[in-house]
Amino acid sequence: MSSSVAWLMLVVAGALDVGWAISMKYAEGYTRVGWTIVSLALLVAFVFLLGRALKVLEVGVAYSVWTGIGAAGTFVMGVVLFGESLSALKLAGIALVLMGIVALKLA
């Protein structure tokens, strides 16, 4: 597998991580069967893709990028879907996470 494909898998795994986190919220403590199934399917999918990407990418970089995508994306979706609070300091924090992701990709 090429490095480009591994990076693509990593980004998709990060996006699936966001979906997983949101689906856990909708699953309401895994009491809603449909959302529980979605949540578990997303979990399996992102772990699979992350594992495949790790065959090529450095574990420290890949894991940091994956968690950064998950953190930033889940923050944004929390604001959009659930009306979670947004402040200048939170935006600055997310900007730092995103800059870290870019720096790791470029390194």
N, C-alpha and C. Protein backbone atom coordinates (compact mmCIF):
# COMPACT_ATOMS: atom_id res chain seq x y z
N MET A 1 0.84 -1.18 0.00
CA MET A 1 0.00 0.00 0.00
C MET A 1 0.89 1.25 0.00
N SER A 2 0.49 2.23 -0.75
CA SER A 2 1.27 3.47 -0.82
C SER A 2 0.97 4.35 0.39
N SER A 3 1.86 5.28 0.60
CA SER A 3 1.70 6.24 1.70
C SER A 3 0.43 7.07 1.50
N SER A 4 0.13 7.44 0.26
CA SER A 4 -1.07 8.24 -0.02
C SER A 4 -2.34 7.49 0.35
N VAL A 5 -2.39 6.21 0.03
CA VAL A 5 -3.56 5.40 0.37
C VAL A 5 -3.67 5.26 1.89
N ALA A 6 -2.54 5.08 2.56
CA ALA A 6 -2.55 4.97 4.02
C ALA A 6 -3.07 6.25 4.66
N TRP A 7 -2.64 7.40 4.13
CA TRP A 7 -3.13 8.68 4.66
C TRP A 7 -4.62 8.84 4.41
N LEU A 8 -5.08 8.42 3.25
CA LEU A 8 -6.51 8.48 2.96
C LEU A 8 -7.30 7.61 3.94
N MET A 9 -6.80 6.40 4.18
CA MET A 9 -7.45 5.51 5.15
C MET A 9 -7.48 6.14 6.54
N LEU A 10 -6.40 6.81 6.89
CA LEU A 10 -6.32 7.46 8.19
C LEU A 10 -7.34 8.58 8.32
N VAL A 11 -7.48 9.39 7.29
CA VAL A 11 -8.46 10.49 7.31
C VAL A 11 -9.88 9.94 7.37
N VAL A 12 -10.16 8.90 6.60
CA VAL A 12 -11.49 8.29 6.64
C VAL A 12 -11.74 7.69 8.02
N ALA A 13 -10.72 7.05 8.60
CA ALA A 13 -10.86 6.50 9.95
C ALA A 13 -11.18 7.61 10.95
N GLY A 14 -10.55 8.76 10.79
CA GLY A 14 -10.84 9.91 11.65
C GLY A 14 -12.27 10.39 11.50
N ALA A 15 -12.74 10.43 10.26
CA ALA A 15 -14.13 10.84 10.02
C ALA A 15 -15.12 9.83 10.60
N LEU A 16 -14.79 8.55 10.47
CA LEU A 16 -15.65 7.52 11.05
C LEU A 16 -15.65 7.61 12.58
N ASP A 17 -14.52 8.02 13.14
CA ASP A 17 -14.44 8.22 14.59
C ASP A 17 -15.42 9.31 15.03
N VAL A 18 -15.53 10.35 14.24
CA VAL A 18 -16.50 11.42 14.53
C VAL A 18 -17.91 10.84 14.50
N GLY A 19 -18.21 10.08 13.46
CA GLY A 19 -19.53 9.45 13.36
C GLY A 19 -19.81 8.54 14.52
N TRP A 20 -18.78 7.81 14.96
CA TRP A 20 -18.94 6.90 16.10
C TRP A 20 -19.28 7.67 17.37
N ALA A 21 -18.55 8.75 17.62
CA ALA A 21 -18.81 9.54 18.82
C ALA A 21 -20.23 10.11 18.82
N ILE A 22 -20.65 10.61 17.67
CA ILE A 22 -22.00 11.17 17.56
C ILE A 22 -23.04 10.07 17.71
N SER A 23 -22.78 8.91 17.12
CA SER A 23 -23.74 7.81 17.23
C SER A 23 -23.86 7.32 18.67
N MET A 24 -22.78 7.41 19.44
CA MET A 24 -22.87 7.04 20.86
C MET A 24 -23.81 7.98 21.60
N LYS A 25 -23.76 9.25 21.26
CA LYS A 25 -24.67 10.23 21.88
C LYS A 25 -26.11 9.87 21.54
N TYR A 26 -26.37 9.57 20.27
CA TYR A 26 -27.72 9.20 19.85
C TYR A 26 -28.16 7.85 20.42
N ALA A 27 -27.21 6.97 20.71
CA ALA A 27 -27.54 5.66 21.26
C ALA A 27 -28.00 5.75 22.72
N GLU A 28 -27.80 6.90 23.33
CA GLU A 28 -28.25 7.16 24.71
C GLU A 28 -27.86 6.04 25.67
N GLY A 29 -26.55 5.87 25.81
CA GLY A 29 -26.05 4.84 26.71
C GLY A 29 -26.30 3.43 26.20
N TYR A 30 -26.35 3.31 24.91
CA TYR A 30 -26.61 2.03 24.23
C TYR A 30 -27.96 1.44 24.61
N THR A 31 -28.93 2.33 24.78
CA THR A 31 -30.30 1.87 25.05
C THR A 31 -31.18 1.91 23.81
N ARG A 32 -30.70 2.54 22.74
CA ARG A 32 -31.44 2.59 21.48
C ARG A 32 -30.76 1.64 20.50
N VAL A 33 -31.45 0.56 20.15
CA VAL A 33 -30.86 -0.54 19.39
C VAL A 33 -30.29 -0.09 18.04
N GLY A 34 -31.05 0.67 17.29
CA GLY A 34 -30.58 1.10 15.96
C GLY A 34 -29.29 1.88 16.03
N TRP A 35 -29.24 2.87 16.89
CA TRP A 35 -28.03 3.68 17.04
C TRP A 35 -26.89 2.88 17.65
N THR A 36 -27.22 1.91 18.49
CA THR A 36 -26.18 1.04 19.04
C THR A 36 -25.51 0.24 17.93
N ILE A 37 -26.29 -0.28 17.01
CA ILE A 37 -25.75 -1.04 15.88
C ILE A 37 -24.89 -0.14 15.00
N VAL A 38 -25.38 1.07 14.72
CA VAL A 38 -24.60 2.03 13.93
C VAL A 38 -23.28 2.33 14.63
N SER A 39 -23.34 2.56 15.93
CA SER A 39 -22.15 2.89 16.70
C SER A 39 -21.12 1.77 16.64
N LEU A 40 -21.56 0.55 16.84
CA LEU A 40 -20.63 -0.59 16.81
C LEU A 40 -20.06 -0.82 15.42
N ALA A 41 -20.87 -0.61 14.38
CA ALA A 41 -20.38 -0.75 13.00
C ALA A 41 -19.31 0.30 12.69
N LEU A 42 -19.55 1.53 13.12
CA LEU A 42 -18.56 2.59 12.90
C LEU A 42 -17.27 2.30 13.66
N LEU A 43 -17.40 1.78 14.87
CA LEU A 43 -16.23 1.41 15.66
C LEU A 43 -15.38 0.37 14.93
N VAL A 44 -16.02 -0.66 14.45
CA VAL A 44 -15.30 -1.71 13.73
C VAL A 44 -14.64 -1.13 12.48
N ALA A 45 -15.36 -0.29 11.76
CA ALA A 45 -14.82 0.28 10.51
C ALA A 45 -13.61 1.16 10.77
N PHE A 46 -13.67 2.05 11.77
CA PHE A 46 -12.53 2.93 11.96
C PHE A 46 -11.32 2.20 12.54
N VAL A 47 -11.55 1.21 13.38
CA VAL A 47 -10.42 0.43 13.90
C VAL A 47 -9.75 -0.35 12.77
N PHE A 48 -10.54 -0.90 11.87
CA PHE A 48 -9.99 -1.62 10.72
C PHE A 48 -9.13 -0.69 9.86
N LEU A 49 -9.68 0.47 9.51
CA LEU A 49 -8.92 1.40 8.65
C LEU A 49 -7.68 1.94 9.35
N LEU A 50 -7.80 2.25 10.62
CA LEU A 50 -6.64 2.72 11.37
C LEU A 50 -5.56 1.64 11.39
N GLY A 51 -5.96 0.41 11.63
CA GLY A 51 -5.00 -0.69 11.63
C GLY A 51 -4.31 -0.86 10.29
N ARG A 52 -5.06 -0.73 9.22
CA ARG A 52 -4.47 -0.84 7.87
C ARG A 52 -3.48 0.30 7.62
N ALA A 53 -3.85 1.51 8.02
CA ALA A 53 -2.97 2.66 7.82
C ALA A 53 -1.67 2.49 8.61
N LEU A 54 -1.76 1.84 9.77
CA LEU A 54 -0.57 1.65 10.60
C LEU A 54 0.44 0.69 9.99
N LYS A 55 0.03 -0.05 8.98
CA LYS A 55 0.98 -0.92 8.29
C LYS A 55 2.04 -0.09 7.57
N VAL A 56 1.70 1.15 7.23
CA VAL A 56 2.60 2.01 6.46
C VAL A 56 3.08 3.21 7.27
N LEU A 57 2.19 3.81 8.03
CA LEU A 57 2.50 5.06 8.73
C LEU A 57 3.08 4.80 10.12
N GLU A 58 3.82 5.77 10.61
CA GLU A 58 4.37 5.69 11.97
C GLU A 58 3.21 5.75 12.97
N VAL A 59 3.28 4.92 13.99
CA VAL A 59 2.16 4.81 14.93
C VAL A 59 1.92 6.12 15.69
N GLY A 60 2.96 6.80 16.10
CA GLY A 60 2.79 8.04 16.84
C GLY A 60 2.12 9.13 16.02
N VAL A 61 2.57 9.26 14.79
CA VAL A 61 1.98 10.26 13.89
C VAL A 61 0.55 9.88 13.54
N ALA A 62 0.35 8.64 13.14
CA ALA A 62 -0.99 8.21 12.71
C ALA A 62 -2.00 8.33 13.85
N TYR A 63 -1.64 7.87 15.03
CA TYR A 63 -2.58 7.93 16.15
C TYR A 63 -2.88 9.37 16.53
N SER A 64 -1.87 10.22 16.51
CA SER A 64 -2.08 11.63 16.84
C SER A 64 -2.99 12.31 15.83
N VAL A 65 -2.76 12.04 14.55
CA VAL A 65 -3.60 12.63 13.50
C VAL A 65 -5.03 12.10 13.62
N TRP A 66 -5.18 10.79 13.82
CA TRP A 66 -6.51 10.19 13.94
C TRP A 66 -7.28 10.79 15.12
N THR A 67 -6.64 10.89 16.28
CA THR A 67 -7.34 11.46 17.44
C THR A 67 -7.63 12.94 17.24
N GLY A 68 -6.73 13.64 16.56
CA GLY A 68 -6.97 15.06 16.29
C GLY A 68 -8.16 15.28 15.38
N ILE A 69 -8.25 14.47 14.33
CA ILE A 69 -9.41 14.56 13.44
C ILE A 69 -10.69 14.25 14.22
N GLY A 70 -10.63 13.20 15.02
CA GLY A 70 -11.79 12.82 15.81
C GLY A 70 -12.19 13.91 16.79
N ALA A 71 -11.22 14.49 17.47
CA ALA A 71 -11.51 15.53 18.46
C ALA A 71 -12.08 16.79 17.81
N ALA A 72 -11.43 17.24 16.76
CA ALA A 72 -11.89 18.47 16.10
C ALA A 72 -13.25 18.26 15.44
N GLY A 73 -13.39 17.14 14.74
CA GLY A 73 -14.66 16.87 14.07
C GLY A 73 -15.81 16.67 15.04
N THR A 74 -15.56 15.98 16.14
CA THR A 74 -16.61 15.76 17.13
C THR A 74 -16.99 17.07 17.80
N PHE A 75 -16.02 17.93 18.04
CA PHE A 75 -16.32 19.25 18.60
C PHE A 75 -17.25 20.03 17.67
N VAL A 76 -16.90 20.07 16.40
CA VAL A 76 -17.72 20.81 15.42
C VAL A 76 -19.12 20.22 15.34
N MET A 77 -19.21 18.91 15.27
CA MET A 77 -20.53 18.27 15.17
C MET A 77 -21.35 18.46 16.45
N GLY A 78 -20.70 18.52 17.59
CA GLY A 78 -21.40 18.79 18.84
C GLY A 78 -22.03 20.17 18.82
N VAL A 79 -21.31 21.13 18.28
CA VAL A 79 -21.84 22.50 18.16
C VAL A 79 -23.01 22.52 17.18
N VAL A 80 -22.82 21.88 16.01
CA VAL A 80 -23.83 21.92 14.95
C VAL A 80 -25.09 21.12 15.33
N LEU A 81 -24.91 19.91 15.82
CA LEU A 81 -26.05 19.02 16.06
C LEU A 81 -26.72 19.20 17.41
N PHE A 82 -25.92 19.54 18.43
CA PHE A 82 -26.46 19.56 19.79
C PHE A 82 -26.44 20.93 20.44
N GLY A 83 -26.01 21.93 19.68
CA GLY A 83 -26.00 23.29 20.21
C GLY A 83 -25.02 23.48 21.36
N GLU A 84 -23.95 22.69 21.36
CA GLU A 84 -22.95 22.83 22.42
C GLU A 84 -22.27 24.19 22.32
N SER A 85 -21.75 24.65 23.43
CA SER A 85 -21.23 26.02 23.50
C SER A 85 -19.98 26.19 22.64
N LEU A 86 -19.84 27.39 22.16
CA LEU A 86 -18.73 27.77 21.29
C LEU A 86 -18.15 29.06 21.85
N SER A 87 -16.84 29.11 22.00
CA SER A 87 -16.19 30.32 22.49
C SER A 87 -14.90 30.53 21.72
N ALA A 88 -14.36 31.72 21.87
CA ALA A 88 -13.10 32.03 21.18
C ALA A 88 -11.98 31.11 21.67
N LEU A 89 -11.97 30.80 22.94
CA LEU A 89 -10.92 29.93 23.48
C LEU A 89 -11.05 28.51 22.94
N LYS A 90 -12.28 28.02 22.82
CA LYS A 90 -12.49 26.68 22.25
C LYS A 90 -12.06 26.66 20.78
N LEU A 91 -12.42 27.70 20.04
CA LEU A 91 -12.00 27.78 18.64
C LEU A 91 -10.49 27.82 18.51
N ALA A 92 -9.83 28.54 19.40
CA ALA A 92 -8.37 28.60 19.38
C ALA A 92 -7.78 27.21 19.66
N GLY A 93 -8.37 26.50 20.59
CA GLY A 93 -7.90 25.15 20.90
C GLY A 93 -8.04 24.22 19.72
N ILE A 94 -9.19 24.27 19.05
CA ILE A 94 -9.39 23.43 17.86
C ILE A 94 -8.44 23.84 16.74
N ALA A 95 -8.20 25.13 16.60
CA ALA A 95 -7.24 25.60 15.59
C ALA A 95 -5.85 25.03 15.87
N LEU A 96 -5.47 24.97 17.13
CA LEU A 96 -4.17 24.39 17.49
C LEU A 96 -4.11 22.90 17.15
N VAL A 97 -5.21 22.19 17.41
CA VAL A 97 -5.27 20.76 17.07
C VAL A 97 -5.09 20.59 15.57
N LEU A 98 -5.82 21.39 14.79
CA LEU A 98 -5.72 21.29 13.32
C LEU A 98 -4.33 21.65 12.82
N MET A 99 -3.71 22.65 13.43
CA MET A 99 -2.35 23.00 13.02
C MET A 99 -1.39 21.86 13.36
N GLY A 100 -1.63 21.19 14.47
CA GLY A 100 -0.81 20.04 14.83
C GLY A 100 -0.95 18.91 13.82
N ILE A 101 -2.17 18.67 13.36
CA ILE A 101 -2.40 17.64 12.34
C ILE A 101 -1.62 17.97 11.07
N VAL A 102 -1.72 19.21 10.63
CA VAL A 102 -1.01 19.63 9.42
C VAL A 102 0.50 19.49 9.62
N ALA A 103 1.00 19.91 10.78
CA ALA A 103 2.43 19.81 11.04
C ALA A 103 2.90 18.34 11.01
N LEU A 104 2.11 17.45 11.58
CA LEU A 104 2.48 16.04 11.57
C LEU A 104 2.47 15.47 10.15
N LYS A 105 1.52 15.90 9.35
CA LYS A 105 1.46 15.43 7.97
C LYS A 105 2.68 15.91 7.19
N LEU A 106 3.10 17.13 7.43
CA LEU A 106 4.22 17.71 6.71
C LEU A 106 5.58 17.20 7.20
N ALA A 107 5.61 16.69 8.40
CA ALA A 107 6.90 16.28 9.01
C ALA A 107 7.50 15.07 8.32
